[in-house]
Amino acid sequence: MHDAHWVFGYGSLIWRPDFEFIESAPARLYGYKRRFWQGSHDHRGVPERPGRVVTLIADNNHHCDGRAYLIEAHTVVETFEQLDYRKKNGYERFTSDLHLYDGRAVSGLVYIAPVDNFAYLGEAALHDIATQILRSSGPSGRNIDYLLELARALRNLDADDEHVFELESMALAMMK
């Protein structure tokens, strides 16, 4: 893996990639939906009170919008070592076709937390997810900030994600 390589961000990588890239473009991944079903014991929560972050769930009737980053060949190994560490809480690398908003189709890596990983929390009522997010905080900050930043980043992409926006609305109402 020493050629330039694309990586797809659909959570915090959209607004905080924290790695060098030579190109960034809004992108779409077909066949998946974004859900706050992954536990965060190391970033937006702690082991005894995990936060919730997004993962992708296979669903042929959905797509997920995010941002694709092209990583320069000489930084690929270092960048993926850094991303592997950042995504160590249950995520695995998968290769997938990405559809950039400008019409290009590229192959890229995407980190997905499979349902059988140790930190997977799974589906829950939106109210329960919002409550957990509001109560959670970890080394990377408050879980609510993750949710609000993701919603803002998706709006900046002109992306529609009913799950994220409903969760944001519910959490904001609960904060009042």
N, C-alpha and C. Protein backbone atom coordinates (compact mmCIF):
# COMPACT_ATOMS: atom_id res chain seq x y z
N MET A 1 0.84 -1.18 0.00
CA MET A 1 0.00 0.00 0.00
C MET A 1 0.88 1.24 0.00
N HIS A 2 1.65 1.42 -1.05
CA HIS A 2 2.53 2.57 -1.11
C HIS A 2 2.16 3.52 -2.24
N ASP A 3 0.98 3.35 -2.83
CA ASP A 3 0.47 4.30 -3.81
C ASP A 3 -0.44 5.28 -3.08
N ALA A 4 -0.77 6.40 -3.72
CA ALA A 4 -1.75 7.31 -3.15
C ALA A 4 -3.04 6.52 -2.92
N HIS A 5 -3.74 6.83 -1.85
CA HIS A 5 -4.90 6.03 -1.49
C HIS A 5 -6.01 6.91 -0.93
N TRP A 6 -7.25 6.58 -1.25
CA TRP A 6 -8.41 7.29 -0.73
C TRP A 6 -8.88 6.65 0.57
N VAL A 7 -9.39 7.49 1.48
CA VAL A 7 -10.04 7.01 2.70
C VAL A 7 -11.34 7.80 2.84
N PHE A 8 -12.39 7.13 3.29
CA PHE A 8 -13.71 7.74 3.42
C PHE A 8 -14.01 8.03 4.89
N GLY A 9 -14.38 9.26 5.17
CA GLY A 9 -14.78 9.65 6.51
C GLY A 9 -16.27 9.93 6.55
N TYR A 10 -16.95 9.36 7.54
CA TYR A 10 -18.39 9.56 7.68
C TYR A 10 -18.77 9.99 9.09
N GLY A 11 -17.79 10.10 9.98
CA GLY A 11 -18.00 10.57 11.35
C GLY A 11 -17.06 11.72 11.60
N SER A 12 -16.26 11.60 12.64
CA SER A 12 -15.35 12.70 13.00
C SER A 12 -14.30 12.99 11.92
N LEU A 13 -14.03 12.03 11.06
CA LEU A 13 -13.06 12.30 9.98
C LEU A 13 -13.57 13.38 9.03
N ILE A 14 -14.87 13.62 8.99
CA ILE A 14 -15.39 14.67 8.10
C ILE A 14 -14.86 16.02 8.55
N TRP A 15 -14.92 16.31 9.84
CA TRP A 15 -14.53 17.65 10.31
C TRP A 15 -13.17 17.70 10.99
N ARG A 16 -12.60 16.54 11.31
CA ARG A 16 -11.29 16.53 11.98
C ARG A 16 -10.45 15.35 11.48
N PRO A 17 -9.94 15.46 10.26
CA PRO A 17 -9.18 14.32 9.75
C PRO A 17 -7.85 14.11 10.49
N ASP A 18 -7.17 15.15 10.89
CA ASP A 18 -5.91 15.04 11.63
C ASP A 18 -4.82 14.25 10.91
N PHE A 19 -4.79 14.33 9.59
CA PHE A 19 -3.72 13.73 8.80
C PHE A 19 -3.57 14.55 7.53
N GLU A 20 -2.41 14.40 6.91
CA GLU A 20 -2.14 15.12 5.67
C GLU A 20 -2.85 14.43 4.51
N PHE A 21 -3.37 15.24 3.60
CA PHE A 21 -3.99 14.70 2.39
C PHE A 21 -3.73 15.67 1.25
N ILE A 22 -3.80 15.15 0.02
CA ILE A 22 -3.53 16.00 -1.13
C ILE A 22 -4.81 16.45 -1.83
N GLU A 23 -5.92 15.80 -1.47
CA GLU A 23 -7.21 16.19 -2.02
C GLU A 23 -8.30 15.74 -1.06
N SER A 24 -9.35 16.52 -1.00
CA SER A 24 -10.51 16.19 -0.19
C SER A 24 -11.75 16.48 -1.03
N ALA A 25 -12.72 15.58 -0.99
CA ALA A 25 -13.92 15.77 -1.80
C ALA A 25 -15.13 15.15 -1.11
N PRO A 26 -16.28 15.82 -1.18
CA PRO A 26 -17.50 15.18 -0.69
C PRO A 26 -17.73 13.89 -1.47
N ALA A 27 -18.21 12.87 -0.77
CA ALA A 27 -18.34 11.55 -1.40
C ALA A 27 -19.55 10.81 -0.84
N ARG A 28 -19.97 9.80 -1.55
CA ARG A 28 -21.10 8.97 -1.16
C ARG A 28 -20.69 7.50 -1.22
N LEU A 29 -21.14 6.76 -0.24
CA LEU A 29 -20.94 5.32 -0.18
C LEU A 29 -22.32 4.67 -0.23
N TYR A 30 -22.57 3.88 -1.26
CA TYR A 30 -23.87 3.23 -1.42
C TYR A 30 -23.92 1.92 -0.65
N GLY A 31 -25.12 1.56 -0.20
CA GLY A 31 -25.34 0.28 0.44
C GLY A 31 -25.13 0.28 1.95
N TYR A 32 -25.02 1.46 2.55
CA TYR A 32 -24.82 1.57 4.00
C TYR A 32 -25.63 2.72 4.55
N LYS A 33 -25.97 2.61 5.85
CA LYS A 33 -26.56 3.73 6.57
C LYS A 33 -25.72 3.98 7.82
N ARG A 34 -25.62 5.26 8.19
CA ARG A 34 -24.84 5.69 9.34
C ARG A 34 -25.74 5.59 10.58
N ARG A 35 -25.22 4.98 11.65
CA ARG A 35 -25.98 4.84 12.89
C ARG A 35 -25.08 5.04 14.10
N PHE A 36 -25.64 5.62 15.14
CA PHE A 36 -24.95 5.82 16.42
C PHE A 36 -25.08 4.53 17.25
N TRP A 37 -24.52 3.46 16.75
CA TRP A 37 -24.66 2.15 17.40
C TRP A 37 -23.33 1.61 17.92
N GLN A 38 -22.24 2.35 17.76
CA GLN A 38 -20.93 1.91 18.21
C GLN A 38 -20.57 2.59 19.53
N GLY A 39 -20.09 1.82 20.47
CA GLY A 39 -19.64 2.38 21.74
C GLY A 39 -18.29 3.06 21.59
N SER A 40 -18.08 4.09 22.38
CA SER A 40 -16.79 4.79 22.42
C SER A 40 -16.31 4.78 23.86
N HIS A 41 -15.39 3.88 24.14
CA HIS A 41 -14.80 3.76 25.47
C HIS A 41 -13.51 4.57 25.60
N ASP A 42 -13.03 5.06 24.46
CA ASP A 42 -11.70 5.66 24.43
C ASP A 42 -11.65 7.10 23.92
N HIS A 43 -12.73 7.60 23.35
CA HIS A 43 -12.73 8.97 22.82
C HIS A 43 -13.86 9.81 23.40
N ARG A 44 -15.09 9.39 23.22
CA ARG A 44 -16.26 10.17 23.64
C ARG A 44 -16.96 9.56 24.84
N GLY A 45 -16.26 8.67 25.50
CA GLY A 45 -16.76 8.03 26.71
C GLY A 45 -15.60 7.34 27.40
N VAL A 46 -15.91 6.63 28.45
CA VAL A 46 -14.91 5.86 29.20
C VAL A 46 -15.47 4.46 29.39
N PRO A 47 -14.63 3.49 29.76
CA PRO A 47 -15.10 2.11 29.85
C PRO A 47 -16.37 1.92 30.70
N GLU A 48 -16.45 2.61 31.83
CA GLU A 48 -17.62 2.43 32.69
C GLU A 48 -18.84 3.23 32.22
N ARG A 49 -18.65 4.17 31.28
CA ARG A 49 -19.75 4.95 30.72
C ARG A 49 -19.42 5.30 29.27
N PRO A 50 -19.56 4.32 28.39
CA PRO A 50 -19.20 4.58 26.98
C PRO A 50 -20.13 5.58 26.32
N GLY A 51 -19.53 6.35 25.42
CA GLY A 51 -20.33 7.22 24.58
C GLY A 51 -20.82 6.43 23.38
N ARG A 52 -21.48 7.12 22.48
CA ARG A 52 -21.94 6.50 21.23
C ARG A 52 -21.41 7.31 20.06
N VAL A 53 -20.84 6.59 19.08
CA VAL A 53 -20.34 7.19 17.86
C VAL A 53 -20.91 6.40 16.69
N VAL A 54 -20.66 6.87 15.49
CA VAL A 54 -21.27 6.24 14.33
C VAL A 54 -20.45 5.09 13.78
N THR A 55 -21.17 4.16 13.22
CA THR A 55 -20.62 3.11 12.37
C THR A 55 -21.55 2.99 11.18
N LEU A 56 -21.21 2.11 10.26
CA LEU A 56 -22.05 1.88 9.09
C LEU A 56 -22.71 0.52 9.19
N ILE A 57 -23.97 0.50 8.83
CA ILE A 57 -24.77 -0.72 8.82
C ILE A 57 -25.15 -1.01 7.37
N ALA A 58 -24.87 -2.21 6.90
CA ALA A 58 -25.19 -2.58 5.52
C ALA A 58 -26.70 -2.48 5.29
N ASP A 59 -27.08 -1.78 4.22
CA ASP A 59 -28.48 -1.63 3.85
C ASP A 59 -28.53 -1.17 2.40
N ASN A 60 -28.95 -2.05 1.52
CA ASN A 60 -28.94 -1.75 0.09
C ASN A 60 -29.86 -0.61 -0.30
N ASN A 61 -30.77 -0.22 0.57
CA ASN A 61 -31.71 0.85 0.26
C ASN A 61 -31.22 2.22 0.73
N HIS A 62 -30.01 2.30 1.24
CA HIS A 62 -29.50 3.55 1.77
C HIS A 62 -28.13 3.90 1.18
N HIS A 63 -27.70 5.10 1.47
CA HIS A 63 -26.35 5.55 1.17
C HIS A 63 -25.87 6.42 2.32
N CYS A 64 -24.58 6.62 2.37
CA CYS A 64 -23.97 7.45 3.42
C CYS A 64 -23.09 8.49 2.75
N ASP A 65 -23.35 9.75 3.07
CA ASP A 65 -22.53 10.84 2.55
C ASP A 65 -21.45 11.20 3.56
N GLY A 66 -20.30 11.56 3.04
CA GLY A 66 -19.18 11.92 3.89
C GLY A 66 -18.13 12.65 3.09
N ARG A 67 -16.89 12.47 3.47
CA ARG A 67 -15.78 13.14 2.79
C ARG A 67 -14.68 12.13 2.51
N ALA A 68 -14.18 12.15 1.29
CA ALA A 68 -13.07 11.27 0.89
C ALA A 68 -11.79 12.10 0.86
N TYR A 69 -10.72 11.47 1.32
CA TYR A 69 -9.41 12.13 1.36
C TYR A 69 -8.42 11.28 0.57
N LEU A 70 -7.65 11.94 -0.28
CA LEU A 70 -6.59 11.25 -1.02
C LEU A 70 -5.28 11.46 -0.26
N ILE A 71 -4.71 10.35 0.15
CA ILE A 71 -3.48 10.37 0.95
C ILE A 71 -2.30 10.13 0.02
N GLU A 72 -1.33 10.99 0.11
CA GLU A 72 -0.15 10.90 -0.75
C GLU A 72 0.63 9.61 -0.47
N ALA A 73 1.21 9.06 -1.51
CA ALA A 73 1.88 7.76 -1.44
C ALA A 73 2.90 7.69 -0.30
N HIS A 74 3.71 8.72 -0.13
CA HIS A 74 4.79 8.63 0.86
C HIS A 74 4.28 8.73 2.31
N THR A 75 3.00 9.07 2.50
CA THR A 75 2.45 9.14 3.87
C THR A 75 1.40 8.06 4.15
N VAL A 76 1.13 7.18 3.18
CA VAL A 76 0.06 6.19 3.34
C VAL A 76 0.29 5.29 4.55
N VAL A 77 1.46 4.71 4.68
CA VAL A 77 1.72 3.77 5.77
C VAL A 77 1.55 4.47 7.12
N GLU A 78 2.18 5.61 7.28
CA GLU A 78 2.10 6.37 8.53
C GLU A 78 0.65 6.79 8.83
N THR A 79 -0.06 7.25 7.81
CA THR A 79 -1.44 7.70 8.00
C THR A 79 -2.34 6.56 8.45
N PHE A 80 -2.21 5.40 7.82
CA PHE A 80 -3.07 4.28 8.20
C PHE A 80 -2.68 3.69 9.55
N GLU A 81 -1.43 3.80 9.94
CA GLU A 81 -1.06 3.41 11.31
C GLU A 81 -1.76 4.34 12.31
N GLN A 82 -1.75 5.63 12.01
CA GLN A 82 -2.43 6.61 12.87
C GLN A 82 -3.94 6.36 12.90
N LEU A 83 -4.54 6.10 11.75
CA LEU A 83 -5.98 5.86 11.70
C LEU A 83 -6.35 4.54 12.39
N ASP A 84 -5.52 3.52 12.22
CA ASP A 84 -5.77 2.25 12.91
C ASP A 84 -5.80 2.46 14.41
N TYR A 85 -4.91 3.29 14.92
CA TYR A 85 -4.89 3.58 16.36
C TYR A 85 -6.14 4.37 16.76
N ARG A 86 -6.48 5.36 15.97
CA ARG A 86 -7.66 6.19 16.26
C ARG A 86 -8.93 5.34 16.23
N LYS A 87 -8.98 4.35 15.37
CA LYS A 87 -10.17 3.52 15.19
C LYS A 87 -10.05 2.17 15.88
N LYS A 88 -9.20 2.07 16.89
CA LYS A 88 -8.90 0.79 17.55
C LYS A 88 -10.06 0.23 18.37
N ASN A 89 -11.06 1.03 18.64
CA ASN A 89 -12.17 0.61 19.51
C ASN A 89 -13.25 -0.14 18.72
N GLY A 90 -12.83 -1.15 17.95
CA GLY A 90 -13.79 -2.02 17.27
C GLY A 90 -13.93 -1.85 15.78
N TYR A 91 -13.23 -0.91 15.18
CA TYR A 91 -13.35 -0.69 13.74
C TYR A 91 -12.37 -1.55 12.96
N GLU A 92 -12.78 -1.91 11.75
CA GLU A 92 -11.92 -2.65 10.82
C GLU A 92 -11.92 -1.91 9.49
N ARG A 93 -10.85 -2.10 8.72
CA ARG A 93 -10.74 -1.49 7.39
C ARG A 93 -11.45 -2.35 6.35
N PHE A 94 -12.17 -1.68 5.48
CA PHE A 94 -12.80 -2.34 4.34
C PHE A 94 -12.52 -1.50 3.10
N THR A 95 -12.42 -2.13 1.96
CA THR A 95 -12.27 -1.42 0.69
C THR A 95 -13.64 -1.34 0.04
N SER A 96 -13.94 -0.17 -0.49
CA SER A 96 -15.25 0.03 -1.10
C SER A 96 -15.15 1.05 -2.23
N ASP A 97 -16.16 1.05 -3.08
CA ASP A 97 -16.26 2.06 -4.14
C ASP A 97 -16.86 3.32 -3.55
N LEU A 98 -16.20 4.43 -3.79
CA LEU A 98 -16.67 5.73 -3.34
C LEU A 98 -17.09 6.54 -4.56
N HIS A 99 -18.17 7.28 -4.42
CA HIS A 99 -18.66 8.10 -5.52
C HIS A 99 -18.52 9.57 -5.10
N LEU A 100 -17.54 10.23 -5.68
CA LEU A 100 -17.30 11.62 -5.35
C LEU A 100 -18.41 12.48 -5.96
N TYR A 101 -18.76 13.55 -5.29
CA TYR A 101 -19.84 14.42 -5.76
C TYR A 101 -19.56 15.00 -7.14
N ASP A 102 -18.28 15.08 -7.52
CA ASP A 102 -17.95 15.64 -8.84
C ASP A 102 -18.09 14.62 -9.97
N GLY A 103 -18.56 13.41 -9.65
CA GLY A 103 -18.82 12.41 -10.67
C GLY A 103 -17.79 11.30 -10.77
N ARG A 104 -16.63 11.47 -10.15
CA ARG A 104 -15.62 10.43 -10.19
C ARG A 104 -16.00 9.27 -9.27
N ALA A 105 -15.62 8.08 -9.68
CA ALA A 105 -15.75 6.88 -8.84
C ALA A 105 -14.34 6.41 -8.52
N VAL A 106 -14.06 6.20 -7.23
CA VAL A 106 -12.73 5.79 -6.80
C VAL A 106 -12.88 4.64 -5.80
N SER A 107 -11.82 3.90 -5.64
CA SER A 107 -11.78 2.86 -4.61
C SER A 107 -11.10 3.45 -3.39
N GLY A 108 -11.64 3.16 -2.21
CA GLY A 108 -11.04 3.72 -1.01
C GLY A 108 -11.28 2.84 0.19
N LEU A 109 -10.57 3.15 1.26
CA LEU A 109 -10.74 2.43 2.52
C LEU A 109 -11.76 3.14 3.38
N VAL A 110 -12.54 2.36 4.09
CA VAL A 110 -13.52 2.88 5.03
C VAL A 110 -13.42 2.05 6.30
N TYR A 111 -13.48 2.71 7.43
CA TYR A 111 -13.46 2.03 8.73
C TYR A 111 -14.89 1.80 9.18
N ILE A 112 -15.22 0.52 9.41
CA ILE A 112 -16.56 0.14 9.86
C ILE A 112 -16.40 -0.72 11.10
N ALA A 113 -17.26 -0.48 12.08
CA ALA A 113 -17.27 -1.30 13.29
C ALA A 113 -18.32 -2.40 13.11
N PRO A 114 -17.89 -3.63 12.84
CA PRO A 114 -18.84 -4.72 12.61
C PRO A 114 -19.68 -5.00 13.86
N VAL A 115 -20.85 -5.57 13.66
CA VAL A 115 -21.78 -5.81 14.77
C VAL A 115 -21.24 -6.79 15.81
N ASP A 116 -20.23 -7.56 15.47
CA ASP A 116 -19.69 -8.53 16.43
C ASP A 116 -18.44 -8.01 17.16
N ASN A 117 -18.15 -6.70 17.07
CA ASN A 117 -16.97 -6.17 17.76
C ASN A 117 -17.31 -5.93 19.24
N PHE A 118 -16.29 -5.90 20.07
CA PHE A 118 -16.45 -5.82 21.53
C PHE A 118 -17.13 -4.55 22.02
N ALA A 119 -17.09 -3.48 21.24
CA ALA A 119 -17.66 -2.21 21.68
C ALA A 119 -19.01 -1.89 21.05
N TYR A 120 -19.54 -2.81 20.26
CA TYR A 120 -20.80 -2.57 19.57
C TYR A 120 -21.95 -2.51 20.58
N LEU A 121 -22.72 -1.44 20.53
CA LEU A 121 -23.86 -1.27 21.43
C LEU A 121 -25.18 -1.62 20.77
N GLY A 122 -25.24 -1.45 19.46
CA GLY A 122 -26.43 -1.83 18.72
C GLY A 122 -27.54 -0.79 18.75
N GLU A 123 -28.63 -1.20 18.17
CA GLU A 123 -29.80 -0.35 18.02
C GLU A 123 -30.43 -0.07 19.37
N ALA A 124 -31.00 1.11 19.49
CA ALA A 124 -31.74 1.50 20.68
C ALA A 124 -32.71 2.60 20.27
N ALA A 125 -33.66 2.89 21.12
CA ALA A 125 -34.58 3.99 20.87
C ALA A 125 -33.79 5.29 20.80
N LEU A 126 -34.20 6.21 19.93
CA LEU A 126 -33.48 7.47 19.79
C LEU A 126 -33.37 8.21 21.12
N HIS A 127 -34.41 8.19 21.92
CA HIS A 127 -34.37 8.85 23.23
C HIS A 127 -33.26 8.26 24.10
N ASP A 128 -33.11 6.94 24.08
CA ASP A 128 -32.07 6.29 24.87
C ASP A 128 -30.67 6.63 24.35
N ILE A 129 -30.53 6.69 23.03
CA ILE A 129 -29.24 7.06 22.45
C ILE A 129 -28.91 8.51 22.82
N ALA A 130 -29.89 9.40 22.69
CA ALA A 130 -29.66 10.81 23.02
C ALA A 130 -29.29 10.96 24.50
N THR A 131 -29.96 10.24 25.37
CA THR A 131 -29.65 10.30 26.80
C THR A 131 -28.22 9.85 27.07
N GLN A 132 -27.82 8.75 26.44
CA GLN A 132 -26.46 8.26 26.62
C GLN A 132 -25.44 9.26 26.10
N ILE A 133 -25.71 9.86 24.96
CA ILE A 133 -24.81 10.85 24.39
C ILE A 133 -24.68 12.06 25.32
N LEU A 134 -25.77 12.51 25.87
CA LEU A 134 -25.75 13.67 26.76
C LEU A 134 -24.98 13.40 28.05
N ARG A 135 -24.94 12.17 28.49
CA ARG A 135 -24.28 11.81 29.75
C ARG A 135 -22.82 11.41 29.58
N SER A 136 -22.37 11.28 28.34
CA SER A 136 -21.03 10.72 28.10
C SER A 136 -20.00 11.77 27.73
N SER A 137 -18.79 11.52 28.20
CA SER A 137 -17.65 12.37 27.91
C SER A 137 -16.39 11.53 28.05
N GLY A 138 -15.37 11.85 27.28
CA GLY A 138 -14.13 11.08 27.33
C GLY A 138 -12.93 11.94 26.98
N PRO A 139 -11.80 11.31 26.72
CA PRO A 139 -10.56 12.05 26.43
C PRO A 139 -10.67 12.99 25.23
N SER A 140 -11.53 12.70 24.27
CA SER A 140 -11.69 13.57 23.10
C SER A 140 -12.80 14.60 23.28
N GLY A 141 -13.43 14.61 24.46
CA GLY A 141 -14.46 15.61 24.72
C GLY A 141 -15.83 15.02 24.96
N ARG A 142 -16.79 15.92 25.01
CA ARG A 142 -18.17 15.52 25.28
C ARG A 142 -18.78 14.82 24.07
N ASN A 143 -19.57 13.81 24.33
CA ASN A 143 -20.21 13.06 23.25
C ASN A 143 -21.20 13.94 22.49
N ILE A 144 -21.87 14.85 23.18
CA ILE A 144 -22.81 15.73 22.51
C ILE A 144 -22.10 16.60 21.48
N ASP A 145 -20.87 16.99 21.76
CA ASP A 145 -20.12 17.80 20.79
C ASP A 145 -19.86 17.02 19.51
N TYR A 146 -19.60 15.72 19.65
CA TYR A 146 -19.42 14.85 18.47
C TYR A 146 -20.70 14.86 17.63
N LEU A 147 -21.85 14.66 18.28
CA LEU A 147 -23.12 14.66 17.55
C LEU A 147 -23.36 15.99 16.86
N LEU A 148 -23.18 17.09 17.57
CA LEU A 148 -23.44 18.41 16.99
C LEU A 148 -22.48 18.74 15.87
N GLU A 149 -21.20 18.39 16.02
CA GLU A 149 -20.22 18.61 14.95
C GLU A 149 -20.55 17.79 13.71
N LEU A 150 -20.98 16.54 13.93
CA LEU A 150 -21.34 15.70 12.79
C LEU A 150 -22.53 16.29 12.04
N ALA A 151 -23.55 16.71 12.76
CA ALA A 151 -24.73 17.31 12.12
C ALA A 151 -24.33 18.56 11.33
N ARG A 152 -23.49 19.40 11.93
CA ARG A 152 -23.03 20.62 11.25
C ARG A 152 -22.24 20.27 9.98
N ALA A 153 -21.35 19.29 10.10
CA ALA A 153 -20.52 18.89 8.95
C ALA A 153 -21.39 18.32 7.83
N LEU A 154 -22.42 17.58 8.18
CA LEU A 154 -23.31 17.02 7.15
C LEU A 154 -24.10 18.13 6.46
N ARG A 155 -24.53 19.12 7.22
CA ARG A 155 -25.22 20.25 6.60
C ARG A 155 -24.28 20.99 5.65
N ASN A 156 -23.01 21.14 6.04
CA ASN A 156 -22.03 21.80 5.18
C ASN A 156 -21.82 21.02 3.88
N LEU A 157 -22.03 19.71 3.92
CA LEU A 157 -21.93 18.89 2.71
C LEU A 157 -23.24 18.87 1.93
N ASP A 158 -24.26 19.50 2.48
CA ASP A 158 -25.62 19.44 1.92
C ASP A 158 -26.12 18.00 1.88
N ALA A 159 -25.74 17.25 2.91
CA ALA A 159 -26.12 15.84 3.01
C ALA A 159 -27.34 15.71 3.93
N ASP A 160 -28.18 14.75 3.64
CA ASP A 160 -29.37 14.51 4.45
C ASP A 160 -29.19 13.18 5.18
N ASP A 161 -29.29 13.21 6.49
CA ASP A 161 -29.18 11.99 7.29
C ASP A 161 -30.22 12.06 8.40
N GLU A 162 -31.35 11.44 8.16
CA GLU A 162 -32.48 11.51 9.07
C GLU A 162 -32.11 11.06 10.49
N HIS A 163 -31.34 9.99 10.61
CA HIS A 163 -30.94 9.47 11.92
C HIS A 163 -30.15 10.51 12.71
N VAL A 164 -29.16 11.10 12.09
CA VAL A 164 -28.31 12.09 12.76
C VAL A 164 -29.12 13.33 13.12
N PHE A 165 -29.93 13.84 12.19
CA PHE A 165 -30.65 15.08 12.43
C PHE A 165 -31.77 14.90 13.46
N GLU A 166 -32.44 13.75 13.46
CA GLU A 166 -33.45 13.49 14.48
C GLU A 166 -32.81 13.37 15.86
N LEU A 167 -31.67 12.71 15.91
CA LEU A 167 -30.95 12.56 17.17
C LEU A 167 -30.47 13.92 17.69
N GLU A 168 -29.95 14.74 16.79
CA GLU A 168 -29.53 16.09 17.16
C GLU A 168 -30.69 16.88 17.73
N SER A 169 -31.82 16.86 17.05
CA SER A 169 -33.00 17.61 17.49
C SER A 169 -33.46 17.13 18.87
N MET A 170 -33.50 15.83 19.06
CA MET A 170 -33.91 15.28 20.34
C MET A 170 -32.93 15.65 21.46
N ALA A 171 -31.65 15.55 21.20
CA ALA A 171 -30.65 15.88 22.23
C ALA A 171 -30.72 17.37 22.58
N LEU A 172 -30.88 18.23 21.60
CA LEU A 172 -30.98 19.67 21.87
C LEU A 172 -32.22 19.98 22.70
N ALA A 173 -33.33 19.33 22.40
CA ALA A 173 -34.56 19.53 23.18
C ALA A 173 -34.38 19.04 24.61
N MET A 174 -33.67 17.96 24.80
CA MET A 174 -33.43 17.42 26.14
C MET A 174 -32.49 18.30 26.95
N MET A 175 -31.66 19.08 26.29
CA MET A 175 -30.71 19.96 26.97
C MET A 175 -31.40 21.19 27.55
N LYS A 176 -32.57 21.52 27.06
CA LYS A 176 -33.28 22.74 27.51
C LYS A 176 -33.88 22.55 28.88
